[in-house]
Structure formats: structure tokens, C-alpha cells
Amino acid sequence: MTLHDFLMFWQTEYVELKLKPNSQYNYESAIRIHILPHLGKYKLRSLTPHVLQQFMNLKVREGFARQTINILAGILNKSLKQAV
């Protein structure tokens, strides 16, 4: 299963059921705009700390605020913990 497929499932089965509408929108936007274009094609088993760190470093180099990077890390952390 790719990260894209899993995040679509996770959004439907977790985010939409447990979070308020504004949070749902923020998660969906962060996933669609930031995470999927860079990591969506990876199979879950091929995601390594190295790949995830490269993604975070890319966002730092692109000039995103620390808070934005923390949000992306939080989304990945929460979703991948449930993937295991």
C-alpha cells in the first residue's frame, strides 16, 4: 500500500470521525499540498527515517515556518503510528 492510499483511508476513518471540521480541512490541505506530492508514491514499508528526514529538510530549505513543519511532522507521526 502506498502512503497516498493509506492517507486517504486514514482521513476517512480517523480524521473525519475524530476531528472538528476546521481541523479536518487543515489536515486535508497539508496532506494534499505538502505530503502527497513528495511522499505519496512511497510504499509504506519503504518509508524510512532517512526519507522522512529528507522531506522535512526540504520543507526547511523551502523556507516554511517551524510551526508548519511541526504540523507536517505531527500528521505523519499520527498517521504512521496507526499504519503500524
Protein backbone atom coordinates (compact mmCIF):
# COMPACT_ATOMS: atom_id res chain seq x y z
CA MET A 1 0.00 0.00 0.00
CA THR A 2 1.31 3.45 -0.86
CA LEU A 3 1.37 6.34 1.58
CA HIS A 4 -1.17 8.09 -0.67
CA ASP A 5 -3.62 5.19 -0.38
CA PHE A 6 -3.13 4.92 3.36
CA LEU A 7 -3.56 8.65 4.00
CA MET A 8 -6.80 8.68 2.02
CA PHE A 9 -8.05 5.78 4.17
CA TRP A 10 -6.77 7.45 7.37
CA GLN A 11 -8.51 10.70 6.52
CA THR A 12 -11.84 8.94 6.05
CA GLU A 13 -11.58 6.58 9.02
CA TYR A 14 -9.83 8.78 11.58
CA VAL A 15 -9.68 12.47 10.72
CA GLU A 16 -13.29 12.82 9.56
CA LEU A 17 -14.62 10.91 12.56
CA LYS A 18 -12.50 12.36 15.37
CA LEU A 19 -11.60 15.95 14.48
CA LYS A 20 -13.59 19.15 14.14
CA PRO A 21 -14.35 20.45 10.63
CA ASN A 22 -11.66 23.15 10.70
CA SER A 23 -9.02 20.62 11.76
CA GLN A 24 -10.23 18.23 9.07
CA TYR A 25 -9.75 20.93 6.45
CA ASN A 26 -6.27 21.79 7.76
CA TYR A 27 -5.18 18.14 7.73
CA GLU A 28 -6.57 17.60 4.23
CA SER A 29 -4.80 20.70 2.93
CA ALA A 30 -1.45 19.82 4.50
CA ILE A 31 -1.65 16.26 3.16
CA ARG A 32 -2.71 17.33 -0.35
CA ILE A 33 -0.35 20.29 -0.75
CA HIS A 34 2.77 19.17 1.11
CA ILE A 35 2.92 15.46 1.90
CA LEU A 36 1.44 13.65 -1.10
CA PRO A 37 3.43 15.41 -3.85
CA HIS A 38 6.70 14.33 -2.22
CA LEU A 39 5.91 11.12 -0.34
CA GLY A 40 2.63 9.80 -1.78
CA LYS A 41 4.28 7.37 -4.19
CA TYR A 42 6.29 5.56 -1.49
CA LYS A 43 5.12 2.18 -0.27
CA LEU A 44 4.57 2.24 3.49
CA ARG A 45 7.27 -0.35 4.08
CA SER A 46 9.82 1.68 2.11
CA LEU A 47 9.38 4.83 4.20
CA THR A 48 12.48 5.12 6.35
CA PRO A 49 13.61 7.74 8.85
CA HIS A 50 16.08 8.90 6.20
CA VAL A 51 13.32 9.50 3.61
CA LEU A 52 11.17 11.34 6.14
CA GLN A 53 14.11 13.47 7.32
CA GLN A 54 14.90 14.43 3.72
CA PHE A 55 11.29 15.55 3.32
CA MET A 56 11.45 17.67 6.47
CA ASN A 57 14.79 19.16 5.40
CA LEU A 58 13.27 20.05 2.03
CA LYS A 59 10.49 21.96 3.74
CA VAL A 60 13.05 23.84 5.87
CA ARG A 61 15.04 24.74 2.74
CA GLU A 62 11.85 25.93 1.04
CA GLY A 63 11.51 28.44 3.88
CA PHE A 64 8.45 27.14 5.67
CA ALA A 65 7.87 28.25 9.26
CA ARG A 66 8.83 25.93 12.10
CA GLN A 67 5.15 25.65 13.05
CA THR A 68 4.22 24.41 9.55
CA ILE A 69 6.99 21.83 9.70
CA ASN A 70 5.82 20.72 13.14
CA ILE A 71 2.28 20.30 11.79
CA LEU A 72 3.51 18.16 8.89
CA ALA A 73 5.62 16.07 11.28
CA GLY A 74 2.61 15.63 13.57
CA ILE A 75 0.36 14.46 10.75
CA LEU A 76 2.97 11.97 9.56
CA ASN A 77 3.63 10.79 13.11
CA LYS A 78 -0.05 10.24 13.95
CA SER A 79 -0.90 8.55 10.68
CA LEU A 80 2.14 6.29 10.54
CA LYS A 81 1.66 5.15 14.13
CA GLN A 82 -1.77 3.89 13.10
CA ALA A 83 -0.35 2.30 9.96
CA VAL A 84 1.78 0.01 12.10
